Amino acid sequence: MVILGIDPGSLKTGYGLIDVEGHVSQHMSHGVIHLKEFKQLADKLSCLYEKISHVILEFQPQHCAIEKVFYSKNAQSMLKLGEARSVSLLAAIHKGVAIYEYTPLEVKQAAVGIGNAPKEQVQRMIQVILKLSNPPFEDAADALAIAMCHAQTYKFKERIDRAC
C-alpha cells in the first residue's frame, strides 16, 4: 500500500510517500512545494494542484493522509491553510485516492509518542524510522509523519474490523 502524506501550507506544502508491506514502511519520496514566489492566491493554488497531481500520477498512492486544520488565533492564516488543504484534497479526489485526516496531536503521538513533541524531534524520528541519511526538511518530515500515522492507524482499524 502506497500512502501519500500531505502537510498543507499556503507558503510551503510538504509531501511524503511511503510503501507499507505488512509491518514494514519504506520511504519512497518526499519534498516541499514552495509557493512563496507567487503573489496571487489563484497562482499559488493552481501550482499546488498541479504539483500534488503530478506526485499522485508518478507514485500512484492508494491512500492520502492529510493534516486536519487546527484552530488558530489568526483567522486569516487559518483560511489560507484551509485553501491549500482543500486544493490538495481536490487533487487526490480527482485522481481517485482515498482520503484520511489526522490531527497534529495524533500525528506527533504516532511518530514520537508525545503529542506536543517539537518539530526537530519529529524530523529526527522520521529519519530514524525510515532509515534516511539526513533528517528531511520540516514540512516534508511532517508529511512523512502523517503518512506513518495513517499506516499505523489503518492497520489497527483493519485488525479491529476483522475481529468483529
C-alpha atoms as a PDB file:
ATOM      1  CA  MET A   1       0.000   0.000   0.000  1.00  0.00           C
ATOM      2  CA  VAL A   2       1.445   3.358  -1.029  1.00  0.00           C
ATOM      3  CA  ILE A   3       0.496   6.281   1.238  1.00  0.00           C
ATOM      4  CA  LEU A   4       0.869   9.957   0.370  1.00  0.00           C
ATOM      5  CA  GLY A   5       1.135  12.216   3.404  1.00  0.00           C
ATOM      6  CA  ILE A   6       0.464  15.931   2.953  1.00  0.00           C
ATOM      7  CA  ASP A   7       1.318  18.771   5.338  1.00  0.00           C
ATOM      8  CA  PRO A   8      -0.588  21.654   3.722  1.00  0.00           C
ATOM      9  CA  GLY A   9       0.511  25.263   3.861  1.00  0.00           C
ATOM     10  CA  SER A  10      -0.044  28.445   1.895  1.00  0.00           C
ATOM     11  CA  LEU A  11       3.691  29.165   1.525  1.00  0.00           C
ATOM     12  CA  LYS A  12       5.102  25.621   1.717  1.00  0.00           C
ATOM     13  CA  THR A  13       3.345  22.284   1.423  1.00  0.00           C
ATOM     14  CA  GLY A  14       5.224  19.171   2.418  1.00  0.00           C
ATOM     15  CA  TYR A  15       4.582  15.769   0.913  1.00  0.00           C
ATOM     16  CA  GLY A  16       5.934  12.345   1.712  1.00  0.00           C
ATOM     17  CA  LEU A  17       5.336   8.885   0.302  1.00  0.00           C
ATOM     18  CA  ILE A  18       5.835   5.544   1.984  1.00  0.00           C
ATOM     19  CA  ASP A  19       5.235   1.990   0.812  1.00  0.00           C
ATOM     20  CA  VAL A  20       3.790  -0.247   3.515  1.00  0.00           C
ATOM     21  CA  GLU A  21       4.016  -4.037   3.346  1.00  0.00           C
ATOM     22  CA  GLY A  22       2.899  -5.823   6.482  1.00  0.00           C
ATOM     23  CA  HIS A  23       4.660  -4.146   9.390  1.00  0.00           C
ATOM     24  CA  VAL A  24       7.397  -2.564   7.279  1.00  0.00           C
ATOM     25  CA  SER A  25       7.238   1.001   5.972  1.00  0.00           C
ATOM     26  CA  GLN A  26       9.708   2.043   3.299  1.00  0.00           C
ATOM     27  CA  HIS A  27      10.481   5.587   2.241  1.00  0.00           C
ATOM     28  CA  MET A  28       9.674   6.312  -1.398  1.00  0.00           C
ATOM     29  CA  SER A  29       9.974  10.073  -1.775  1.00  0.00           C
ATOM     30  CA  HIS A  30       9.437  13.385  -0.039  1.00  0.00           C
ATOM     31  CA  GLY A  31       9.677  17.067  -0.807  1.00  0.00           C
ATOM     32  CA  VAL A  32       8.395  20.562  -0.278  1.00  0.00           C
ATOM     33  CA  ILE A  33       6.303  22.551  -2.736  1.00  0.00           C
ATOM     34  CA  HIS A  34       7.323  26.210  -2.423  1.00  0.00           C
ATOM     35  CA  LEU A  35       4.579  28.719  -3.142  1.00  0.00           C
ATOM     36  CA  LYS A  36       6.183  31.905  -1.803  1.00  0.00           C
ATOM     37  CA  GLU A  37       7.166  33.127  -5.262  1.00  0.00           C
ATOM     38  CA  PHE A  38       3.536  33.529  -6.345  1.00  0.00           C
ATOM     39  CA  LYS A  39       1.841  36.787  -5.415  1.00  0.00           C
ATOM     40  CA  GLN A  40      -1.693  35.874  -6.471  1.00  0.00           C
ATOM     41  CA  LEU A  41      -3.662  33.301  -4.494  1.00  0.00           C
ATOM     42  CA  ALA A  42      -5.022  31.721  -7.681  1.00  0.00           C
ATOM     43  CA  ASP A  43      -1.471  31.130  -8.946  1.00  0.00           C
ATOM     44  CA  LYS A  44      -0.424  29.532  -5.640  1.00  0.00           C
ATOM     45  CA  LEU A  45      -3.414  27.214  -5.601  1.00  0.00           C
ATOM     46  CA  SER A  46      -3.018  26.308  -9.274  1.00  0.00           C
ATOM     47  CA  CYS A  47       0.655  25.439  -8.765  1.00  0.00           C
ATOM     48  CA  LEU A  48      -0.156  23.381  -5.672  1.00  0.00           C
ATOM     49  CA  TYR A  49      -2.865  21.453  -7.506  1.00  0.00           C
ATOM     50  CA  GLU A  50      -0.534  20.704 -10.432  1.00  0.00           C
ATOM     51  CA  LYS A  51       2.368  19.582  -8.225  1.00  0.00           C
ATOM     52  CA  ILE A  52       0.245  17.327  -5.987  1.00  0.00           C
ATOM     53  CA  SER A  53      -1.434  15.868  -9.089  1.00  0.00           C
ATOM     54  CA  HIS A  54       1.993  15.161 -10.575  1.00  0.00           C
ATOM     55  CA  VAL A  55       3.156  13.388  -7.391  1.00  0.00           C
ATOM     56  CA  ILE A  56      -0.012  11.271  -7.412  1.00  0.00           C
ATOM     57  CA  LEU A  57       0.429  10.320 -11.076  1.00  0.00           C
ATOM     58  CA  GLU A  58       4.095   9.451 -10.544  1.00  0.00           C
ATOM     59  CA  PHE A  59       3.729   7.311  -7.394  1.00  0.00           C
ATOM     60  CA  GLN A  60       0.114   6.040  -7.652  1.00  0.00           C
ATOM     61  CA  PRO A  61      -0.766   6.112  -3.921  1.00  0.00           C
ATOM     62  CA  GLN A  62      -3.848   4.234  -2.783  1.00  0.00           C
ATOM     63  CA  HIS A  63      -4.311   6.437   0.290  1.00  0.00           C
ATOM     64  CA  CYS A  64      -3.791  10.127   1.010  1.00  0.00           C
ATOM     65  CA  ALA A  65      -3.363  11.201   4.624  1.00  0.00           C
ATOM     66  CA  ILE A  66      -3.593  14.901   5.366  1.00  0.00           C
ATOM     67  CA  GLU A  67      -3.391  17.013   8.469  1.00  0.00           C
ATOM     68  CA  LYS A  68      -6.683  18.373   9.778  1.00  0.00           C
ATOM     69  CA  VAL A  69      -6.997  22.120  10.171  1.00  0.00           C
ATOM     70  CA  PHE A  70      -6.176  23.204  13.690  1.00  0.00           C
ATOM     71  CA  TYR A  71      -7.706  26.225  15.345  1.00  0.00           C
ATOM     72  CA  SER A  72      -5.618  29.360  15.348  1.00  0.00           C
ATOM     73  CA  LYS A  73      -5.946  32.802  16.826  1.00  0.00           C
ATOM     74  CA  ASN A  74      -5.235  34.242  13.381  1.00  0.00           C
ATOM     75  CA  ALA A  75      -8.321  33.715  11.224  1.00  0.00           C
ATOM     76  CA  GLN A  76      -6.527  34.849   8.053  1.00  0.00           C
ATOM     77  CA  SER A  77      -3.818  32.197   8.484  1.00  0.00           C
ATOM     78  CA  MET A  78      -6.430  29.537   9.123  1.00  0.00           C
ATOM     79  CA  LEU A  79      -8.292  30.485   5.940  1.00  0.00           C
ATOM     80  CA  LYS A  80      -5.122  30.302   3.832  1.00  0.00           C
ATOM     81  CA  LEU A  81      -4.259  26.917   5.328  1.00  0.00           C
ATOM     82  CA  GLY A  82      -7.792  25.704   4.567  1.00  0.00           C
ATOM     83  CA  GLU A  83      -7.456  26.794   0.942  1.00  0.00           C
ATOM     84  CA  ALA A  84      -4.156  24.913   0.488  1.00  0.00           C
ATOM     85  CA  ARG A  85      -5.627  21.899   2.228  1.00  0.00           C
ATOM     86  CA  SER A  86      -8.737  21.927   0.018  1.00  0.00           C
ATOM     87  CA  VAL A  87      -6.729  22.117  -3.206  1.00  0.00           C
ATOM     88  CA  SER A  88      -4.522  19.216  -2.054  1.00  0.00           C
ATOM     89  CA  LEU A  89      -7.615  17.173  -1.213  1.00  0.00           C
ATOM     90  CA  LEU A  90      -9.197  18.011  -4.554  1.00  0.00           C
ATOM     91  CA  ALA A  91      -6.122  16.776  -6.440  1.00  0.00           C
ATOM     92  CA  ALA A  92      -6.284  13.460  -4.569  1.00  0.00           C
ATOM     93  CA  ILE A  93     -10.042  13.130  -5.018  1.00  0.00           C
ATOM     94  CA  HIS A  94      -9.787  13.784  -8.779  1.00  0.00           C
ATOM     95  CA  LYS A  95      -7.202  11.008  -9.044  1.00  0.00           C
ATOM     96  CA  GLY A  96      -9.390   8.547  -7.081  1.00  0.00           C
ATOM     97  CA  VAL A  97      -7.178   8.382  -3.994  1.00  0.00           C
ATOM     98  CA  ALA A  98      -8.894   7.571  -0.665  1.00  0.00           C
ATOM     99  CA  ILE A  99      -8.648  10.430   1.855  1.00  0.00           C
ATOM    100  CA  TYR A 100      -7.859  10.147   5.580  1.00  0.00           C
ATOM    101  CA  GLU A 101      -7.424  13.018   8.054  1.00  0.00           C
ATOM    102  CA  TYR A 102      -5.411  13.269  11.269  1.00  0.00           C
ATOM    103  CA  THR A 103      -4.898  15.969  13.870  1.00  0.00           C
ATOM    104  CA  PRO A 104      -1.392  17.284  14.600  1.00  0.00           C
ATOM    105  CA  LEU A 105      -1.671  15.641  18.036  1.00  0.00           C
ATOM    106  CA  GLU A 106      -2.424  12.222  16.517  1.00  0.00           C
ATOM    107  CA  VAL A 107       0.482  12.567  14.081  1.00  0.00           C
ATOM    108  CA  LYS A 108       3.025  13.522  16.741  1.00  0.00           C
ATOM    109  CA  GLN A 109       1.844  10.769  19.067  1.00  0.00           C
ATOM    110  CA  ALA A 110       2.238   8.209  16.266  1.00  0.00           C
ATOM    111  CA  ALA A 111       5.663   9.479  15.176  1.00  0.00           C
ATOM    112  CA  VAL A 112       7.256  10.336  18.511  1.00  0.00           C
ATOM    113  CA  GLY A 113       4.941   9.061  21.232  1.00  0.00           C
ATOM    114  CA  ILE A 114       4.370  12.576  22.581  1.00  0.00           C
ATOM    115  CA  GLY A 115       1.572  14.825  21.317  1.00  0.00           C
ATOM    116  CA  ASN A 116       3.450  18.060  21.948  1.00  0.00           C
ATOM    117  CA  ALA A 117       6.819  16.976  20.538  1.00  0.00           C
ATOM    118  CA  PRO A 118       8.900  19.718  18.906  1.00  0.00           C
ATOM    119  CA  LYS A 119       9.315  19.652  15.123  1.00  0.00           C
ATOM    120  CA  GLU A 120      13.022  18.766  15.432  1.00  0.00           C
ATOM    121  CA  GLN A 121      12.109  15.607  17.320  1.00  0.00           C
ATOM    122  CA  VAL A 122       9.602  14.633  14.617  1.00  0.00           C
ATOM    123  CA  GLN A 123      12.288  15.188  11.960  1.00  0.00           C
ATOM    124  CA  ARG A 124      14.791  13.021  13.817  1.00  0.00           C
ATOM    125  CA  MET A 125      12.316  10.187  14.499  1.00  0.00           C
ATOM    126  CA  ILE A 126      11.216  10.091  10.865  1.00  0.00           C
ATOM    127  CA  GLN A 127      14.878   9.955   9.834  1.00  0.00           C
ATOM    128  CA  VAL A 128      15.488   7.004  12.167  1.00  0.00           C
ATOM    129  CA  ILE A 129      12.251   5.098  11.416  1.00  0.00           C
ATOM    130  CA  LEU A 130      12.592   5.403   7.642  1.00  0.00           C
ATOM    131  CA  LYS A 131      16.397   4.995   7.703  1.00  0.00           C
ATOM    132  CA  LEU A 132      17.102   8.280   5.915  1.00  0.00           C
ATOM    133  CA  SER A 133      20.683   9.565   5.703  1.00  0.00           C
ATOM    134  CA  ASN A 134      19.611  13.087   6.765  1.00  0.00           C
ATOM    135  CA  PRO A 135      16.573  14.473   8.542  1.00  0.00           C
ATOM    136  CA  PRO A 136      14.031  15.706   5.982  1.00  0.00           C
ATOM    137  CA  PHE A 137      13.056  19.356   5.903  1.00  0.00           C
ATOM    138  CA  GLU A 138      10.406  20.260   8.482  1.00  0.00           C
ATOM    139  CA  ASP A 139       7.376  20.237   6.165  1.00  0.00           C
ATOM    140  CA  ALA A 140       8.439  17.020   4.417  1.00  0.00           C
ATOM    141  CA  ALA A 141       9.125  15.359   7.798  1.00  0.00           C
ATOM    142  CA  ASP A 142       5.630  16.329   8.940  1.00  0.00           C
ATOM    143  CA  ALA A 143       4.153  14.877   5.737  1.00  0.00           C
ATOM    144  CA  LEU A 144       6.057  11.612   6.218  1.00  0.00           C
ATOM    145  CA  ALA A 145       4.872  11.539   9.851  1.00  0.00           C
ATOM    146  CA  ILE A 146       1.281  11.958   8.638  1.00  0.00           C
ATOM    147  CA  ALA A 147       1.756   9.017   6.241  1.00  0.00           C
ATOM    148  CA  MET A 148       3.277   6.923   9.055  1.00  0.00           C
ATOM    149  CA  CYS A 149       0.388   7.842  11.355  1.00  0.00           C
ATOM    150  CA  HIS A 150      -2.054   6.613   8.727  1.00  0.00           C
ATOM    151  CA  ALA A 151      -0.142   3.363   8.225  1.00  0.00           C
ATOM    152  CA  GLN A 152      -0.367   2.612  11.959  1.00  0.00           C
ATOM    153  CA  THR A 153      -3.964   3.717  12.360  1.00  0.00           C
ATOM    154  CA  TYR A 154      -5.211   1.952   9.240  1.00  0.00           C
ATOM    155  CA  LYS A 155      -3.601  -1.355  10.217  1.00  0.00           C
ATOM    156  CA  PHE A 156      -5.115  -1.091  13.694  1.00  0.00           C
ATOM    157  CA  LYS A 157      -8.598  -0.380  12.316  1.00  0.00           C
ATOM    158  CA  GLU A 158      -8.285  -3.311   9.883  1.00  0.00           C
ATOM    159  CA  ARG A 159      -7.476  -5.670  12.777  1.00  0.00           C
ATOM    160  CA  ILE A 160     -10.457  -4.432  14.761  1.00  0.00           C
ATOM    161  CA  ASP A 161     -12.767  -4.852  11.753  1.00  0.00           C
ATOM    162  CA  ARG A 162     -11.549  -8.424  11.239  1.00  0.00           C
ATOM    163  CA  ALA A 163     -12.082  -9.235  14.917  1.00  0.00           C
ATOM    164  CA  CYS A 164     -15.687  -8.002  14.878  1.00  0.00           C
END
